[in-house]
């Protein structure tokens, strides 16, 4: 669906920055309350009808926290999911899953939210109109946000100031 290709290194770098920010300076002190060897299974369930997006960021988040976590994707990025749909399964150490879950869910919620809202606008606009995104993005997250727009059925406008001319009345 999306022609934007997010490289593994790009995803790794963004996840590393997010985890570093979340865990600085002392890590997750709450997860220290759990037994280190306790293995749990969890399910990632959609809480509404949505376009699911950002699963590779989620998978990478769990992998960077603990390479032994098994993260099994059940839906593809860009797919429409119904409320209560199984999106992914997770199995691993409870404390590792707890450390990763908020960053993982932040990526999933943000990217899926953009894709879902874009898709709603695309459906409202119909076939005779394009829904385009602009460069009004969070710094360093432009490519991710434009990826989400494409997954939602939108059209990407220019990525940077050198892509094309834009003459407007400011």
Protein backbone atom coordinates (compact mmCIF):
# COMPACT_ATOMS: atom_id res chain seq x y z
CA UNK A 1 0.00 0.00 0.00
CA UNK A 2 2.55 2.63 1.08
CA UNK A 3 5.51 3.25 -1.22
CA UNK A 4 7.48 4.70 1.65
CA UNK A 5 10.04 2.13 2.75
CA UNK A 6 11.18 2.47 6.32
CA UNK A 7 14.61 0.86 6.62
CA UNK A 8 15.38 -1.41 9.52
CA UNK A 9 18.10 1.03 10.62
CA UNK A 10 15.67 3.96 10.56
CA UNK A 11 13.20 2.03 12.72
CA UNK A 12 15.99 0.85 15.06
CA UNK A 13 17.29 4.40 15.50
CA UNK A 14 13.86 5.91 16.27
CA UNK A 15 13.06 3.14 18.75
CA UNK A 16 16.45 3.51 20.44
CA UNK A 17 15.86 7.26 20.89
CA UNK A 18 12.40 6.64 22.32
CA UNK A 19 13.61 3.98 24.76
CA UNK A 20 16.55 6.11 25.83
CA UNK A 21 14.21 9.00 26.57
CA UNK A 22 11.77 6.77 28.44
CA UNK A 23 14.36 4.93 30.52
CA UNK A 24 16.74 7.80 31.38
CA UNK A 25 18.31 8.03 33.96
CA UNK A 26 17.39 4.98 36.08
CA UNK A 27 15.43 2.61 33.85
CA UNK A 28 11.95 1.40 34.72
CA UNK A 29 11.85 1.21 38.50
CA UNK A 30 8.36 -0.35 38.52
CA UNK A 31 9.46 -3.41 36.53
CA UNK A 32 12.03 -4.07 39.25
CA UNK A 33 9.16 -5.16 41.48
CA UNK A 34 8.52 -8.22 39.30
CA UNK A 35 10.34 -11.53 39.40
CA UNK A 36 13.02 -11.46 36.70
CA UNK A 37 12.26 -14.97 35.47
CA UNK A 38 8.46 -14.76 35.33
CA UNK A 39 7.29 -15.55 31.77
CA UNK A 40 3.97 -14.16 30.60
CA UNK A 41 1.90 -14.12 27.45
CA UNK A 42 0.00 -11.06 26.30
CA UNK A 43 -2.27 -10.14 23.43
CA UNK A 44 -2.36 -6.84 21.63
CA UNK A 45 -6.07 -6.17 21.00
CA UNK A 46 -7.49 -3.18 19.12
CA UNK A 47 -9.71 -0.99 21.25
CA UNK A 48 -11.59 0.43 18.26
CA UNK A 49 -12.08 0.03 14.52
CA UNK A 50 -8.85 1.34 13.01
CA UNK A 51 -6.16 1.15 10.38
CA UNK A 52 -3.34 -0.62 12.21
CA UNK A 53 0.10 0.86 11.55
CA UNK A 54 3.54 0.92 13.13
CA UNK A 55 3.90 -2.75 13.98
CA UNK A 56 7.57 -2.90 12.96
CA UNK A 57 8.28 -0.13 15.48
CA UNK A 58 6.43 -2.14 18.13
CA UNK A 59 8.33 -5.32 17.28
CA UNK A 60 11.65 -3.46 17.33
CA UNK A 61 10.82 -1.92 20.71
CA UNK A 62 10.32 -5.32 22.31
CA UNK A 63 13.44 -6.67 20.57
CA UNK A 64 15.64 -3.85 21.83
CA UNK A 65 14.46 -4.34 25.40
CA UNK A 66 14.84 -8.13 25.33
CA UNK A 67 15.81 -10.19 22.29
CA UNK A 68 14.09 -13.23 23.84
CA UNK A 69 10.63 -11.64 23.66
CA UNK A 70 8.52 -13.32 20.99
CA UNK A 71 6.38 -10.78 19.15
CA UNK A 72 4.08 -12.37 16.58
CA UNK A 73 2.29 -9.97 14.25
CA UNK A 74 -1.23 -11.10 13.30
CA UNK A 75 -2.26 -8.10 11.13
CA UNK A 76 -0.39 -6.19 8.44
CA UNK A 77 0.38 -2.50 8.53
CA UNK A 78 -2.39 -0.71 6.65
CA UNK A 79 -5.06 -3.29 7.35
CA UNK A 80 -8.45 -2.37 8.72
CA UNK A 81 -9.07 -3.98 12.10
CA UNK A 82 -12.33 -4.17 13.97
CA UNK A 83 -12.66 -3.36 17.65
CA UNK A 84 -11.36 -6.28 19.77
CA UNK A 85 -9.29 -7.75 16.91
CA UNK A 86 -6.11 -9.63 17.74
CA UNK A 87 -3.23 -7.54 16.34
CA UNK A 88 -0.25 -9.36 17.85
CA UNK A 89 0.85 -11.88 20.48
CA UNK A 90 3.68 -11.30 22.92
CA UNK A 91 5.53 -13.79 25.12
CA UNK A 92 8.51 -13.20 27.33
CA UNK A 93 9.75 -12.04 30.69
CA UNK A 94 7.13 -9.93 32.45
CA UNK A 95 9.57 -7.20 33.47
CA UNK A 96 10.91 -6.87 29.92
CA UNK A 97 7.42 -6.62 28.47
CA UNK A 98 6.52 -3.98 31.05
CA UNK A 99 9.62 -1.93 30.21
CA UNK A 100 8.82 -1.97 26.47
CA UNK A 101 5.04 -1.76 26.44
CA UNK A 102 4.52 2.01 26.81
CA UNK A 103 7.01 3.00 24.10
CA UNK A 104 5.63 0.26 21.85
CA UNK A 105 2.04 1.38 22.40
CA UNK A 106 3.00 5.03 21.85
CA UNK A 107 4.38 4.17 18.41
CA UNK A 108 1.37 2.00 17.58
CA UNK A 109 -1.18 4.55 18.80
CA UNK A 110 0.45 7.51 17.07
CA UNK A 111 1.00 5.86 13.70
CA UNK A 112 -2.34 4.00 13.70
CA UNK A 113 -4.12 7.18 14.78
CA UNK A 114 -2.78 9.13 11.80
CA UNK A 115 -3.60 6.29 9.40
CA UNK A 116 -7.10 5.90 10.82
CA UNK A 117 -7.95 9.62 10.79
CA UNK A 118 -6.56 9.96 7.25
CA UNK A 119 -8.70 7.04 6.13
CA UNK A 120 -11.80 8.68 7.60
CA UNK A 121 -11.08 11.86 5.62
CA UNK A 122 -10.35 9.86 2.45
CA UNK A 123 -13.74 8.14 2.74
CA UNK A 124 -15.53 11.45 3.36
CA UNK A 125 -13.79 13.15 0.42
CA UNK A 126 -14.67 10.45 -2.10
CA UNK A 127 -12.90 9.56 -5.31
CA UNK A 128 -12.78 13.05 -6.86
CA UNK A 129 -10.57 14.53 -4.18
CA UNK A 130 -7.14 13.76 -2.68
CA UNK A 131 -6.35 14.05 0.99
CA UNK A 132 -2.77 15.34 1.20
CA UNK A 133 -0.44 15.80 4.13
CA UNK A 134 1.92 18.72 4.63
CA UNK A 135 5.30 19.20 6.28
CA UNK A 136 3.65 20.24 9.56
CA UNK A 137 5.07 17.22 11.34
CA UNK A 138 6.91 16.46 14.55
CA UNK A 139 10.65 17.00 13.96
CA UNK A 140 12.43 13.77 13.04
CA UNK A 141 9.11 11.94 12.65
CA UNK A 142 8.07 13.30 9.25
CA UNK A 143 8.74 10.07 7.37
CA UNK A 144 6.82 8.04 9.97
CA UNK A 145 3.84 10.39 9.86
CA UNK A 146 3.81 10.48 6.05
CA UNK A 147 4.03 6.67 6.05
CA UNK A 148 0.91 6.61 8.23
CA UNK A 149 -0.92 8.99 5.85
CA UNK A 150 -0.17 6.66 2.92
CA UNK A 151 -1.40 3.64 4.88
CA UNK A 152 -4.64 5.53 5.52
CA UNK A 153 -5.12 6.13 1.79
CA UNK A 154 -3.87 9.72 1.72
CA UNK A 155 -1.39 11.36 -0.62
CA UNK A 156 1.97 12.68 0.47
CA UNK A 157 2.76 16.28 -0.38
CA UNK A 158 6.38 17.32 -0.50
CA UNK A 159 8.74 15.86 2.09
CA UNK A 160 11.08 18.84 2.25
CA UNK A 161 11.64 22.26 0.73
CA UNK A 162 13.63 20.89 -2.21
CA UNK A 163 10.93 18.49 -3.49
CA UNK A 164 8.90 20.97 -5.51
CA UNK A 165 7.91 24.60 -5.76
CA UNK A 166 5.07 25.85 -3.63
CA UNK A 167 3.82 29.36 -4.15
CA UNK A 168 1.34 30.55 -1.58
CA UNK A 169 0.02 33.70 -0.02
CA UNK A 170 1.29 33.98 3.55
